[in-house]
Amino acid sequence: MARPNKRTTLREVAEATGLSTAAVSYALRGKHVSKETEERVRKAAAELGYEADPIARALASGRTSTVGVLAGDLQDLWQQQLMAAIGRELLAGDRYALILDAGGDPERELALAKQLRDQRVDGLLVSPVDPSAEGWSKIADAVPVVSIGDALSRARTAGEVLFDNRAGIDAVLDYLRGLGHRRVTVLTPTGPSTPDRPADVYVREAADRLGIETVVLPCPQELGEATAMARRVLTNSPDGRRPAGPAPATAVFCFSDSIAYGVYAAAAEASLTVGRDLSVVGFDDHPVSRVLTPPLTTVDWGLSDIAKEAARLAVAAIEGRRVRRKRILCAPRLSERGSAAAPRG
C-alpha cells in the first residue's frame, strides 16, 4: 500500500534550520527576525513542502482569516457586483469572504448571521434586509459588524457605510418633476414584513413635499418576477391584461436597476417606448444600465469606494485598530441618460 502523504510540520522546518519553532513561526510571518533568517527559513520550508495548517493557525491566533459577507438579495445584479468587489478587497489583505444570500427574507438573514457568528468568522459585513431587527444587537456584541446601505438601528456596529437615500430620492423626484411628471410609481424590493425602511419612508415624504402623486409597491428583483409586476403597473390591472382604474403613472422610479430591467421588458411587451411613452429611473447604476436601449437614467453610489470602505472598517475592527471615522455617508450622483423625458400629452 502506498503511504499516505504526511504534512511537513513546523518542527521539521525548525530542525532543518537549527532554529526554534517559535523563531521559524516568526520568520514565516516576517516578524522579529532578520531578513537573512526569514529568507533561510522560507527556502527550507519550500524545499520541505511545508504549508501552514490553517486550523492550527486559527487556534493559535484566535482568528480564521474569514469574513462573513451577507447579501440582502443576490437576485439584485448590483448586489452581486458589490459582494464580488468586497471579496476582492478582503482577499488583497489575505482575508477570505464567505458570501451568503438572505434572499430578501429578514428571518433568513438573521439565521444566516447567527450561523456565521457561530462559525467564528473574524467579522461580518451585511447589507441588511431588516436594519431595525432586534437580533442584530447580540450578533454585533459577539463579532465586529459593518453595515452597508442602512444603519442597524438597534446594534452597536464596528462601522457603517451608508447611502444618503434622502439625497438620492430628492435628486430623482426633483428631476422627474422638472420634466413634468406628477404621477410616479415607485417599485421597491422592500417586502411587506419590513415596510419602514428608510428609502421607503423618504420617498413618501419627498413626494408630498414636491406635490407628486406616488404609489409605492413591493417588487421582486428577479427579472421574470419584476417583469410580471411591471406588466401590472403599466396596465394598472391586477392581471396585467386589461386596463382598469385611473390612468397609469407616467414615470416609474425603481429602487434597483434590476427592477428597472423588468420595466423595460414589460414596456417592450406592451409596445411602449421607454424614454418616449414611459419614463424609467433606476437607483444603483449597474453596468448593464449603460447598454440598454435607451440607456437607463439612474443613481451612481460609487460601488468601488463602498467596497473599499466597508472592507477597511471590517479589517480595522478585526485587528483592534481605531479609525477616525466609523460612519461613511455615500453621496449619490444622478446619471441622466435617455430613459426619462417629459410626459406625452
C-alpha atoms as a PDB file:
ATOM      1  CA  MET A   1       0.000   0.000   0.000  1.00  0.00           C
ATOM      2  CA  ALA A   2       1.150   3.475  -0.774  1.00  0.00           C
ATOM      3  CA  ARG A   3       1.966   5.521   2.278  1.00  0.00           C
ATOM      4  CA  PRO A   4      -0.380   8.476   2.677  1.00  0.00           C
ATOM      5  CA  ASN A   5       1.193  11.892   2.223  1.00  0.00           C
ATOM      6  CA  LYS A   6       2.340  13.318   5.539  1.00  0.00           C
ATOM      7  CA  ARG A   7       2.131  17.054   6.185  1.00  0.00           C
ATOM      8  CA  THR A   8       5.504  18.630   6.914  1.00  0.00           C
ATOM      9  CA  THR A   9       5.451  20.116  10.395  1.00  0.00           C
ATOM     10  CA  LEU A  10       6.829  23.354  11.770  1.00  0.00           C
ATOM     11  CA  ARG A  11       9.159  21.294  13.993  1.00  0.00           C
ATOM     12  CA  GLU A  12      10.743  19.664  10.925  1.00  0.00           C
ATOM     13  CA  VAL A  13      11.439  23.086   9.409  1.00  0.00           C
ATOM     14  CA  ALA A  14      12.952  24.137  12.741  1.00  0.00           C
ATOM     15  CA  GLU A  15      15.213  21.064  12.789  1.00  0.00           C
ATOM     16  CA  ALA A  16      16.320  21.709   9.205  1.00  0.00           C
ATOM     17  CA  THR A  17      17.294  25.308  10.001  1.00  0.00           C
ATOM     18  CA  GLY A  18      18.627  24.799  13.516  1.00  0.00           C
ATOM     19  CA  LEU A  19      16.145  27.287  14.938  1.00  0.00           C
ATOM     20  CA  SER A  20      13.356  27.056  17.492  1.00  0.00           C
ATOM     21  CA  THR A  21       9.786  26.514  16.335  1.00  0.00           C
ATOM     22  CA  ALA A  22       8.940  29.980  17.652  1.00  0.00           C
ATOM     23  CA  ALA A  23      11.698  31.573  15.550  1.00  0.00           C
ATOM     24  CA  VAL A  24      10.536  29.664  12.476  1.00  0.00           C
ATOM     25  CA  SER A  25       6.961  30.800  13.075  1.00  0.00           C
ATOM     26  CA  TYR A  26       8.083  34.419  13.341  1.00  0.00           C
ATOM     27  CA  ALA A  27      10.232  34.100  10.211  1.00  0.00           C
ATOM     28  CA  LEU A  28       7.361  32.711   8.142  1.00  0.00           C
ATOM     29  CA  ARG A  29       5.246  35.684   9.213  1.00  0.00           C
ATOM     30  CA  GLY A  30       8.062  38.165   8.592  1.00  0.00           C
ATOM     31  CA  LYS A  31       8.247  39.263  12.233  1.00  0.00           C
ATOM     32  CA  HIS A  32      11.027  39.739  14.808  1.00  0.00           C
ATOM     33  CA  VAL A  33      13.828  38.146  12.743  1.00  0.00           C
ATOM     34  CA  SER A  34      16.466  39.391  10.318  1.00  0.00           C
ATOM     35  CA  LYS A  35      15.860  39.391   6.588  1.00  0.00           C
ATOM     36  CA  GLU A  36      18.563  36.763   6.185  1.00  0.00           C
ATOM     37  CA  THR A  37      16.877  34.428   8.684  1.00  0.00           C
ATOM     38  CA  GLU A  38      13.492  34.968   7.082  1.00  0.00           C
ATOM     39  CA  GLU A  39      14.836  34.039   3.646  1.00  0.00           C
ATOM     40  CA  ARG A  40      16.655  30.962   5.012  1.00  0.00           C
ATOM     41  CA  VAL A  41      13.523  29.702   6.744  1.00  0.00           C
ATOM     42  CA  ARG A  42      11.299  30.317   3.734  1.00  0.00           C
ATOM     43  CA  LYS A  43      13.738  28.464   1.492  1.00  0.00           C
ATOM     44  CA  ALA A  44      13.835  25.465   3.831  1.00  0.00           C
ATOM     45  CA  ALA A  45      10.038  25.481   4.150  1.00  0.00           C
ATOM     46  CA  ALA A  46       9.653  25.478   0.370  1.00  0.00           C
ATOM     47  CA  GLU A  47      12.139  22.622  -0.050  1.00  0.00           C
ATOM     48  CA  LEU A  48      10.366  20.530   2.574  1.00  0.00           C
ATOM     49  CA  GLY A  49       6.926  21.359   1.149  1.00  0.00           C
ATOM     50  CA  TYR A  50       5.763  22.996   4.366  1.00  0.00           C
ATOM     51  CA  GLU A  51       2.308  24.600   4.357  1.00  0.00           C
ATOM     52  CA  ALA A  52       0.829  26.328   7.369  1.00  0.00           C
ATOM     53  CA  ASP A  53      -2.008  24.381   8.970  1.00  0.00           C
ATOM     54  CA  PRO A  54      -4.987  26.794   8.822  1.00  0.00           C
ATOM     55  CA  ILE A  55      -6.709  25.105  11.761  1.00  0.00           C
ATOM     56  CA  ALA A  56      -3.633  25.313  13.963  1.00  0.00           C
ATOM     57  CA  ARG A  57      -3.060  28.903  12.916  1.00  0.00           C
ATOM     58  CA  ALA A  58      -6.649  29.798  13.772  1.00  0.00           C
ATOM     59  CA  LEU A  59      -6.385  28.124  17.175  1.00  0.00           C
ATOM     60  CA  ALA A  60      -3.150  29.938  17.920  1.00  0.00           C
ATOM     61  CA  SER A  61      -4.300  33.370  16.777  1.00  0.00           C
ATOM     62  CA  GLY A  62      -7.990  33.183  17.592  1.00  0.00           C
ATOM     63  CA  ARG A  63      -8.716  34.237  14.000  1.00  0.00           C
ATOM     64  CA  THR A  64      -9.846  32.328  10.925  1.00  0.00           C
ATOM     65  CA  SER A  65      -8.954  34.919   8.240  1.00  0.00           C
ATOM     66  CA  THR A  66     -12.572  34.508   7.096  1.00  0.00           C
ATOM     67  CA  VAL A  67     -15.046  37.393   6.959  1.00  0.00           C
ATOM     68  CA  GLY A  68     -18.773  36.789   6.554  1.00  0.00           C
ATOM     69  CA  VAL A  69     -20.429  38.866   3.826  1.00  0.00           C
ATOM     70  CA  LEU A  70     -24.219  38.705   3.990  1.00  0.00           C
ATOM     71  CA  ALA A  71     -26.113  39.992   0.954  1.00  0.00           C
ATOM     72  CA  GLY A  72     -29.696  41.153   1.292  1.00  0.00           C
ATOM     73  CA  ASP A  73     -30.745  39.648  -2.046  1.00  0.00           C
ATOM     74  CA  LEU A  74     -28.404  38.342  -4.745  1.00  0.00           C
ATOM     75  CA  GLN A  75     -31.205  38.467  -7.300  1.00  0.00           C
ATOM     76  CA  ASP A  76     -30.145  42.128  -7.430  1.00  0.00           C
ATOM     77  CA  LEU A  77     -27.341  42.360 -10.001  1.00  0.00           C
ATOM     78  CA  TRP A  78     -25.812  45.391  -8.278  1.00  0.00           C
ATOM     79  CA  GLN A  79     -25.525  43.482  -5.001  1.00  0.00           C
ATOM     80  CA  GLN A  80     -23.781  40.671  -6.872  1.00  0.00           C
ATOM     81  CA  GLN A  81     -21.275  43.203  -8.152  1.00  0.00           C
ATOM     82  CA  LEU A  82     -20.828  44.734  -4.682  1.00  0.00           C
ATOM     83  CA  MET A  83     -20.258  41.378  -2.959  1.00  0.00           C
ATOM     84  CA  ALA A  84     -17.646  40.437  -5.570  1.00  0.00           C
ATOM     85  CA  ALA A  85     -15.887  43.783  -5.061  1.00  0.00           C
ATOM     86  CA  ILE A  86     -15.850  43.322  -1.275  1.00  0.00           C
ATOM     87  CA  GLY A  87     -14.427  39.838  -1.730  1.00  0.00           C
ATOM     88  CA  ARG A  88     -11.582  41.236  -3.832  1.00  0.00           C
ATOM     89  CA  GLU A  89     -10.816  43.941  -1.271  1.00  0.00           C
ATOM     90  CA  LEU A  90     -10.651  41.388   1.548  1.00  0.00           C
ATOM     91  CA  LEU A  91      -8.524  38.998  -0.498  1.00  0.00           C
ATOM     92  CA  ALA A  92      -6.000  41.769  -1.131  1.00  0.00           C
ATOM     93  CA  GLY A  93      -5.426  41.708   2.637  1.00  0.00           C
ATOM     94  CA  ASP A  94      -5.191  37.885   2.831  1.00  0.00           C
ATOM     95  CA  ARG A  95      -8.715  37.523   4.140  1.00  0.00           C
ATOM     96  CA  TYR A  96     -11.418  35.413   2.577  1.00  0.00           C
ATOM     97  CA  ALA A  97     -15.058  36.326   2.055  1.00  0.00           C
ATOM     98  CA  LEU A  98     -17.734  33.790   2.921  1.00  0.00           C
ATOM     99  CA  ILE A  99     -20.671  35.211   0.938  1.00  0.00           C
ATOM    100  CA  LEU A 100     -24.226  34.195   1.844  1.00  0.00           C
ATOM    101  CA  ASP A 101     -27.570  35.339   0.428  1.00  0.00           C
ATOM    102  CA  ALA A 102     -30.561  36.266   2.584  1.00  0.00           C
ATOM    103  CA  GLY A 103     -32.806  36.182  -0.485  1.00  0.00           C
ATOM    104  CA  GLY A 104     -34.764  39.215   0.716  1.00  0.00           C
ATOM    105  CA  ASP A 105     -36.026  37.295   3.784  1.00  0.00           C
ATOM    106  CA  PRO A 106     -35.388  39.072   7.124  1.00  0.00           C
ATOM    107  CA  GLU A 107     -35.767  35.874   9.162  1.00  0.00           C
ATOM    108  CA  ARG A 108     -33.344  34.012   6.932  1.00  0.00           C
ATOM    109  CA  GLU A 109     -30.984  36.961   7.164  1.00  0.00           C
ATOM    110  CA  LEU A 110     -30.736  36.759  10.961  1.00  0.00           C
ATOM    111  CA  ALA A 111     -30.445  32.965  10.873  1.00  0.00           C
ATOM    112  CA  LEU A 112     -27.505  33.199   8.465  1.00  0.00           C
ATOM    113  CA  ALA A 113     -25.876  35.966  10.509  1.00  0.00           C
ATOM    114  CA  LYS A 114     -26.059  33.757  13.628  1.00  0.00           C
ATOM    115  CA  GLN A 115     -24.610  30.843  11.666  1.00  0.00           C
ATOM    116  CA  LEU A 116     -21.670  32.970  10.542  1.00  0.00           C
ATOM    117  CA  ARG A 117     -21.122  34.123  14.116  1.00  0.00           C
ATOM    118  CA  ASP A 118     -21.153  30.519  15.347  1.00  0.00           C
ATOM    119  CA  GLN A 119     -18.649  29.559  12.637  1.00  0.00           C
ATOM    120  CA  ARG A 120     -16.243  32.038  14.204  1.00  0.00           C
ATOM    121  CA  VAL A 121     -15.828  34.411  11.286  1.00  0.00           C
ATOM    122  CA  ASP A 122     -13.492  37.262  12.196  1.00  0.00           C
ATOM    123  CA  GLY A 123     -16.025  39.886  11.147  1.00  0.00           C
ATOM    124  CA  LEU A 124     -19.328  40.354   9.352  1.00  0.00           C
ATOM    125  CA  LEU A 125     -20.347  42.762   6.610  1.00  0.00           C
ATOM    126  CA  VAL A 126     -24.069  42.970   5.959  1.00  0.00           C
ATOM    127  CA  SER A 127     -26.375  44.725   3.506  1.00  0.00           C
ATOM    128  CA  PRO A 128     -29.461  44.369   5.709  1.00  0.00           C
ATOM    129  CA  VAL A 129     -32.953  43.410   4.636  1.00  0.00           C
ATOM    130  CA  ASP A 130     -34.316  44.498   8.017  1.00  0.00           C
ATOM    131  CA  PRO A 131     -31.950  47.043   9.587  1.00  0.00           C
ATOM    132  CA  SER A 132     -34.232  47.531  12.606  1.00  0.00           C
ATOM    133  CA  ALA A 133     -34.388  43.864  13.665  1.00  0.00           C
ATOM    134  CA  GLU A 134     -33.678  43.298  17.366  1.00  0.00           C
ATOM    135  CA  GLY A 135     -31.438  40.317  16.657  1.00  0.00           C
ATOM    136  CA  TRP A 136     -28.605  42.445  15.316  1.00  0.00           C
ATOM    137  CA  SER A 137     -27.699  43.652  18.819  1.00  0.00           C
ATOM    138  CA  LYS A 138     -26.500  40.257  20.103  1.00  0.00           C
ATOM    139  CA  ILE A 139     -24.724  39.461  16.856  1.00  0.00           C
ATOM    140  CA  ALA A 140     -22.831  42.766  16.922  1.00  0.00           C
ATOM    141  CA  ASP A 141     -21.836  42.098  20.549  1.00  0.00           C
ATOM    142  CA  ALA A 142     -20.237  38.802  19.502  1.00  0.00           C
ATOM    143  CA  VAL A 143     -18.486  39.744  16.245  1.00  0.00           C
ATOM    144  CA  PRO A 144     -17.453  43.034  14.596  1.00  0.00           C
ATOM    145  CA  VAL A 145     -20.258  44.039  12.218  1.00  0.00           C
ATOM    146  CA  VAL A 146     -20.106  46.610   9.422  1.00  0.00           C
ATOM    147  CA  SER A 147     -23.431  47.646   7.922  1.00  0.00           C
ATOM    148  CA  ILE A 148     -23.731  48.665   4.268  1.00  0.00           C
ATOM    149  CA  GLY A 149     -26.613  50.757   2.932  1.00  0.00           C
ATOM    150  CA  ASP A 150     -28.754  51.257   6.033  1.00  0.00           C
ATOM    151  CA  ALA A 151     -27.695  51.567   9.673  1.00  0.00           C
ATOM    152  CA  LEU A 152     -28.542  48.799  12.147  1.00  0.00           C
ATOM    153  CA  SER A 153     -30.578  50.958  14.490  1.00  0.00           C
ATOM    154  CA  ARG A 154     -30.567  48.505  17.420  1.00  0.00           C
ATOM    155  CA  ALA A 155     -26.918  47.403  17.297  1.00  0.00           C
ATOM    156  CA  ARG A 156     -23.535  48.833  18.223  1.00  0.00           C
ATOM    157  CA  THR A 157     -21.666  48.247  14.969  1.00  0.00           C
ATOM    158  CA  ALA A 158     -17.951  48.443  14.215  1.00  0.00           C
ATOM    159  CA  GLY A 159     -18.676  50.681  11.247  1.00  0.00           C
ATOM    160  CA  GLU A 160     -21.281  51.883   8.762  1.00  0.00           C
ATOM    161  CA  VAL A 161     -21.102  52.645   5.048  1.00  0.00           C
ATOM    162  CA  LEU A 162     -24.463  54.289   4.478  1.00  0.00           C
ATOM    163  CA  PHE A 163     -26.312  55.525   1.410  1.00  0.00           C
ATOM    164  CA  ASP A 164     -27.671  59.070   1.584  1.00  0.00           C
ATOM    165  CA  ASN A 165     -31.087  57.816   0.461  1.00  0.00           C
ATOM    166  CA  ARG A 166     -32.749  61.136   1.180  1.00  0.00           C
ATOM    167  CA  ALA A 167     -30.420  62.982  -1.209  1.00  0.00           C
ATOM    168  CA  GLY A 168     -30.752  60.268  -3.863  1.00  0.00           C
ATOM    169  CA  ILE A 169     -34.533  60.224  -3.736  1.00  0.00           C
ATOM    170  CA  ASP A 170     -34.717  64.028  -3.743  1.00  0.00           C
ATOM    171  CA  ALA A 171     -32.486  64.110  -6.833  1.00  0.00           C
ATOM    172  CA  VAL A 172     -34.655  61.638  -8.746  1.00  0.00           C
ATOM    173  CA  LEU A 173     -38.035  63.126  -7.824  1.00  0.00           C
ATOM    174  CA  ASP A 174     -36.801  66.702  -8.437  1.00  0.00           C
ATOM    175  CA  TYR A 175     -35.591  65.561 -11.848  1.00  0.00           C
ATOM    176  CA  LEU A 176     -38.881  63.855 -12.751  1.00  0.00           C
ATOM    177  CA  ARG A 177     -40.913  66.819 -11.519  1.00  0.00           C
ATOM    178  CA  GLY A 178     -38.771  69.145 -13.616  1.00  0.00           C
ATOM    179  CA  LEU A 179     -39.623  67.042 -16.652  1.00  0.00           C
ATOM    180  CA  GLY A 180     -43.318  67.496 -15.863  1.00  0.00           C
ATOM    181  CA  HIS A 181     -44.223  64.192 -14.182  1.00  0.00           C
ATOM    182  CA  ARG A 182     -46.875  64.354 -11.467  1.00  0.00           C
ATOM    183  CA  ARG A 183     -47.807  60.636 -11.189  1.00  0.00           C
ATOM    184  CA  VAL A 184     -44.927  58.301 -10.330  1.00  0.00           C
ATOM    185  CA  THR A 185     -44.996  54.633  -9.410  1.00  0.00           C
ATOM    186  CA  VAL A 186     -42.193  53.581  -7.073  1.00  0.00           C
ATOM    187  CA  LEU A 187     -41.110  49.931  -7.174  1.00  0.00           C
ATOM    188  CA  THR A 188     -39.175  48.835  -4.091  1.00  0.00           C
ATOM    189  CA  PRO A 189     -37.594  45.484  -3.162  1.00  0.00           C
ATOM    190  CA  THR A 190     -38.818  46.019   0.392  1.00  0.00           C
ATOM    191  CA  GLY A 191     -41.226  43.290   1.459  1.00  0.00           C
ATOM    192  CA  PRO A 192     -44.427  43.643   3.500  1.00  0.00           C
ATOM    193  CA  SER A 193     -42.635  42.474   6.672  1.00  0.00           C
ATOM    194  CA  THR A 194     -40.237  45.467   6.645  1.00  0.00           C
ATOM    195  CA  PRO A 195     -42.365  48.416   5.459  1.00  0.00           C
ATOM    196  CA  ASP A 196     -40.472  51.199   7.235  1.00  0.00           C
ATOM    197  CA  ARG A 197     -37.049  51.009   5.629  1.00  0.00           C
ATOM    198  CA  PRO A 198     -35.513  54.494   5.273  1.00  0.00           C
ATOM    199  CA  ALA A 199     -35.787  54.785   1.476  1.00  0.00           C
ATOM    200  CA  ASP A 200     -39.480  53.848   1.507  1.00  0.00           C
ATOM    201  CA  VAL A 201     -40.190  56.436   4.196  1.00  0.00           C
ATOM    202  CA  TYR A 202     -38.168  59.163   2.473  1.00  0.00           C
ATOM    203  CA  VAL A 203     -39.803  58.732  -0.932  1.00  0.00           C
ATOM    204  CA  ARG A 204     -43.256  59.376   0.518  1.00  0.00           C
ATOM    205  CA  GLU A 205     -42.018  62.464   2.359  1.00  0.00           C
ATOM    206  CA  ALA A 206     -40.286  63.873  -0.727  1.00  0.00           C
ATOM    207  CA  ALA A 207     -43.288  63.197  -2.976  1.00  0.00           C
ATOM    208  CA  ASP A 208     -45.628  65.019  -0.584  1.00  0.00           C
ATOM    209  CA  ARG A 209     -43.279  67.982  -0.448  1.00  0.00           C
ATOM    210  CA  LEU A 210     -42.986  68.180  -4.242  1.00  0.00           C
ATOM    211  CA  GLY A 211     -46.680  67.645  -4.932  1.00  0.00           C
ATOM    212  CA  ILE A 212     -46.129  64.361  -6.758  1.00  0.00           C
ATOM    213  CA  GLU A 213     -48.704  61.586  -6.537  1.00  0.00           C
ATOM    214  CA  THR A 214     -46.852  58.339  -5.788  1.00  0.00           C
ATOM    215  CA  VAL A 215     -47.807  54.727  -5.291  1.00  0.00           C
ATOM    216  CA  VAL A 216     -45.108  52.621  -3.595  1.00  0.00           C
ATOM    217  CA  LEU A 217     -45.300  48.928  -4.493  1.00  0.00           C
ATOM    218  CA  PRO A 218     -43.120  45.973  -3.463  1.00  0.00           C
ATOM    219  CA  CYS A 219     -41.424  44.277  -6.394  1.00  0.00           C
ATOM    220  CA  PRO A 220     -39.128  41.237  -6.615  1.00  0.00           C
ATOM    221  CA  GLN A 221     -35.693  41.735  -8.167  1.00  0.00           C
ATOM    222  CA  GLU A 222     -35.598  38.558 -10.249  1.00  0.00           C
ATOM    223  CA  LEU A 223     -36.139  39.544 -13.893  1.00  0.00           C
ATOM    224  CA  GLY A 224     -39.193  37.388 -14.607  1.00  0.00           C
ATOM    225  CA  GLU A 225     -40.976  38.398 -11.414  1.00  0.00           C
ATOM    226  CA  ALA A 226     -40.055  42.066 -11.866  1.00  0.00           C
ATOM    227  CA  THR A 227     -41.418  41.938 -15.409  1.00  0.00           C
ATOM    228  CA  ALA A 228     -44.698  40.432 -14.195  1.00  0.00           C
ATOM    229  CA  MET A 229     -45.076  43.169 -11.581  1.00  0.00           C
ATOM    230  CA  ALA A 230     -44.216  45.888 -14.095  1.00  0.00           C
ATOM    231  CA  ARG A 231     -46.795  44.452 -16.507  1.00  0.00           C
ATOM    232  CA  ARG A 232     -49.499  45.007 -13.881  1.00  0.00           C
ATOM    233  CA  VAL A 233     -48.232  48.518 -13.173  1.00  0.00           C
ATOM    234  CA  LEU A 234     -48.220  49.576 -16.822  1.00  0.00           C
ATOM    235  CA  THR A 235     -51.770  48.399 -17.415  1.00  0.00           C
ATOM    236  CA  ASN A 236     -52.990  49.423 -13.955  1.00  0.00           C
ATOM    237  CA  SER A 237     -54.569  45.976 -13.816  1.00  0.00           C
ATOM    238  CA  PRO A 238     -54.200  43.050 -11.374  1.00  0.00           C
ATOM    239  CA  ASP A 239     -53.686  40.515 -14.166  1.00  0.00           C
ATOM    240  CA  GLY A 240     -51.605  42.747 -16.425  1.00  0.00           C
ATOM    241  CA  ARG A 241     -54.010  42.422 -19.392  1.00  0.00           C
ATOM    242  CA  ARG A 242     -56.989  44.737 -19.294  1.00  0.00           C
ATOM    243  CA  PRO A 243     -56.981  48.443 -18.446  1.00  0.00           C
ATOM    244  CA  ALA A 244     -58.645  49.302 -15.150  1.00  0.00           C
ATOM    245  CA  GLY A 245     -58.959  52.291 -12.855  1.00  0.00           C
ATOM    246  CA  PRO A 246     -57.310  55.685 -13.368  1.00  0.00           C
ATOM    247  CA  ALA A 247     -54.584  56.332 -15.921  1.00  0.00           C
ATOM    248  CA  PRO A 248     -51.258  54.695 -15.054  1.00  0.00           C
ATOM    249  CA  ALA A 249     -48.278  56.715 -13.881  1.00  0.00           C
ATOM    250  CA  THR A 250     -46.151  58.478 -16.482  1.00  0.00           C
ATOM    251  CA  ALA A 251     -42.892  57.509 -14.763  1.00  0.00           C
ATOM    252  CA  VAL A 252     -41.595  54.505 -12.825  1.00  0.00           C
ATOM    253  CA  PHE A 253     -38.885  55.003 -10.195  1.00  0.00           C
ATOM    254  CA  CYS A 254     -37.177  51.692  -9.376  1.00  0.00           C
ATOM    255  CA  PHE A 255     -35.174  51.240  -6.170  1.00  0.00           C
ATOM    256  CA  SER A 256     -32.794  48.939  -8.026  1.00  0.00           C
ATOM    257  CA  ASP A 257     -31.697  48.783 -11.635  1.00  0.00           C
ATOM    258  CA  SER A 258     -32.564  45.071 -11.643  1.00  0.00           C
ATOM    259  CA  ILE A 259     -36.221  46.029 -11.145  1.00  0.00           C
ATOM    260  CA  ALA A 260     -35.925  48.631 -13.911  1.00  0.00           C
ATOM    261  CA  TYR A 261     -34.888  45.890 -16.340  1.00  0.00           C
ATOM    262  CA  GLY A 262     -38.236  44.237 -15.655  1.00  0.00           C
ATOM    263  CA  VAL A 263     -39.988  47.511 -16.504  1.00  0.00           C
ATOM    264  CA  TYR A 264     -38.095  47.670 -19.805  1.00  0.00           C
ATOM    265  CA  ALA A 265     -39.204  44.118 -20.611  1.00  0.00           C
ATOM    266  CA  ALA A 266     -42.853  44.813 -19.770  1.00  0.00           C
ATOM    267  CA  ALA A 267     -42.800  48.054 -21.766  1.00  0.00           C
ATOM    268  CA  ALA A 268     -41.495  46.195 -24.813  1.00  0.00           C
ATOM    269  CA  GLU A 269     -44.306  43.633 -24.483  1.00  0.00           C
ATOM    270  CA  ALA A 270     -46.826  46.473 -24.388  1.00  0.00           C
ATOM    271  CA  SER A 271     -45.252  48.207 -27.422  1.00  0.00           C
ATOM    272  CA  LEU A 272     -44.286  51.176 -25.247  1.00  0.00           C
ATOM    273  CA  THR A 273     -41.032  53.002 -25.902  1.00  0.00           C
ATOM    274  CA  VAL A 274     -39.033  53.811 -22.773  1.00  0.00           C
ATOM    275  CA  GLY A 275     -37.945  57.446 -22.887  1.00  0.00           C
ATOM    276  CA  ARG A 276     -40.906  58.417 -25.048  1.00  0.00           C
ATOM    277  CA  ASP A 277     -44.116  56.714 -23.885  1.00  0.00           C
ATOM    278  CA  LEU A 278     -42.817  55.974 -20.389  1.00  0.00           C
ATOM    279  CA  SER A 279     -40.025  57.335 -18.198  1.00  0.00           C
ATOM    280  CA  VAL A 280     -37.983  54.906 -16.101  1.00  0.00           C
ATOM    281  CA  VAL A 281     -35.316  55.722 -13.496  1.00  0.00           C
ATOM    282  CA  GLY A 282     -33.136  53.268 -11.564  1.00  0.00           C
ATOM    283  CA  PHE A 283     -31.171  53.629  -8.349  1.00  0.00           C
ATOM    284  CA  ASP A 284     -27.755  51.936  -8.468  1.00  0.00           C
ATOM    285  CA  ASP A 285     -26.090  52.283 -11.896  1.00  0.00           C
ATOM    286  CA  HIS A 286     -25.264  48.673 -12.739  1.00  0.00           C
ATOM    287  CA  PRO A 287     -23.027  48.429 -15.860  1.00  0.00           C
ATOM    288  CA  VAL A 288     -25.841  46.801 -17.861  1.00  0.00           C
ATOM    289  CA  SER A 289     -27.842  50.019 -17.465  1.00  0.00           C
ATOM    290  CA  ARG A 290     -25.453  51.827 -19.795  1.00  0.00           C
ATOM    291  CA  VAL A 291     -26.004  49.461 -22.723  1.00  0.00           C
ATOM    292  CA  LEU A 292     -29.809  49.304 -22.682  1.00  0.00           C
ATOM    293  CA  THR A 293     -31.844  50.982 -25.403  1.00  0.00           C
ATOM    294  CA  PRO A 294     -32.225  53.682 -24.319  1.00  0.00           C
ATOM    295  CA  PRO A 295     -29.549  53.748 -21.563  1.00  0.00           C
ATOM    296  CA  LEU A 296     -31.121  53.893 -18.100  1.00  0.00           C
ATOM    297  CA  THR A 297     -31.140  57.123 -16.108  1.00  0.00           C
ATOM    298  CA  THR A 298     -30.064  56.037 -12.635  1.00  0.00           C
ATOM    299  CA  VAL A 299     -28.160  56.928  -9.469  1.00  0.00           C
ATOM    300  CA  ASP A 300     -24.465  56.110  -9.042  1.00  0.00           C
ATOM    301  CA  TRP A 301     -23.385  55.431  -5.436  1.00  0.00           C
ATOM    302  CA  GLY A 302     -19.694  54.751  -6.115  1.00  0.00           C
ATOM    303  CA  LEU A 303     -19.600  50.965  -5.737  1.00  0.00           C
ATOM    304  CA  SER A 304     -15.816  50.578  -5.665  1.00  0.00           C
ATOM    305  CA  ASP A 305     -15.487  53.127  -2.859  1.00  0.00           C
ATOM    306  CA  ILE A 306     -18.257  51.400  -0.907  1.00  0.00           C
ATOM    307  CA  ALA A 307     -16.411  48.069  -1.136  1.00  0.00           C
ATOM    308  CA  LYS A 308     -13.086  49.630  -0.099  1.00  0.00           C
ATOM    309  CA  GLU A 309     -14.533  51.498   2.877  1.00  0.00           C
ATOM    310  CA  ALA A 310     -16.552  48.515   4.112  1.00  0.00           C
ATOM    311  CA  ALA A 311     -13.544  46.199   3.923  1.00  0.00           C
ATOM    312  CA  ARG A 312     -11.312  48.809   5.568  1.00  0.00           C
ATOM    313  CA  LEU A 313     -13.666  49.247   8.521  1.00  0.00           C
ATOM    314  CA  ALA A 314     -14.085  45.496   8.947  1.00  0.00           C
ATOM    315  CA  VAL A 315     -10.340  44.793   8.903  1.00  0.00           C
ATOM    316  CA  ALA A 316      -9.647  47.651  11.329  1.00  0.00           C
ATOM    317  CA  ALA A 317     -12.210  46.256  13.768  1.00  0.00           C
ATOM    318  CA  ILE A 318     -10.821  42.726  13.441  1.00  0.00           C
ATOM    319  CA  GLU A 319      -7.292  43.955  14.159  1.00  0.00           C
ATOM    320  CA  GLY A 320      -8.447  46.165  17.015  1.00  0.00           C
ATOM    321  CA  ARG A 321      -7.296  49.363  15.308  1.00  0.00           C
ATOM    322  CA  ARG A 322      -9.035  52.653  15.950  1.00  0.00           C
ATOM    323  CA  VAL A 323     -10.331  54.572  12.944  1.00  0.00           C
ATOM    324  CA  ARG A 324     -11.117  58.270  12.720  1.00  0.00           C
ATOM    325  CA  ARG A 325     -14.488  57.775  11.048  1.00  0.00           C
ATOM    326  CA  LYS A 326     -16.681  54.745  11.625  1.00  0.00           C
ATOM    327  CA  ARG A 327     -19.618  56.206   9.697  1.00  0.00           C
ATOM    328  CA  ILE A 328     -19.185  56.832   5.965  1.00  0.00           C
ATOM    329  CA  LEU A 329     -22.047  58.541   4.115  1.00  0.00           C
ATOM    330  CA  CYS A 330     -22.090  57.849   0.368  1.00  0.00           C
ATOM    331  CA  ALA A 331     -23.351  60.730  -1.752  1.00  0.00           C
ATOM    332  CA  PRO A 332     -25.462  59.965  -4.842  1.00  0.00           C
ATOM    333  CA  ARG A 333     -24.799  61.154  -8.372  1.00  0.00           C
ATOM    334  CA  LEU A 334     -27.686  61.225 -10.845  1.00  0.00           C
ATOM    335  CA  SER A 335     -26.616  59.862 -14.231  1.00  0.00           C
ATOM    336  CA  GLU A 336     -29.031  61.368 -16.766  1.00  0.00           C
ATOM    337  CA  ARG A 337     -29.407  59.211 -19.865  1.00  0.00           C
ATOM    338  CA  GLY A 338     -32.183  58.507 -22.331  1.00  0.00           C
ATOM    339  CA  SER A 339     -34.840  56.677 -20.287  1.00  0.00           C
ATOM    340  CA  ALA A 340     -36.656  59.719 -18.894  1.00  0.00           C
ATOM    341  CA  ALA A 341     -38.351  62.537 -20.776  1.00  0.00           C
ATOM    342  CA  ALA A 342     -41.329  64.874 -20.471  1.00  0.00           C
ATOM    343  CA  PRO A 343     -44.663  63.024 -20.354  1.00  0.00           C
ATOM    344  CA  ARG A 344     -46.554  62.921 -23.627  1.00  0.00           C
ATOM    345  CA  GLY A 345     -49.777  64.855 -23.909  1.00  0.00           C
END
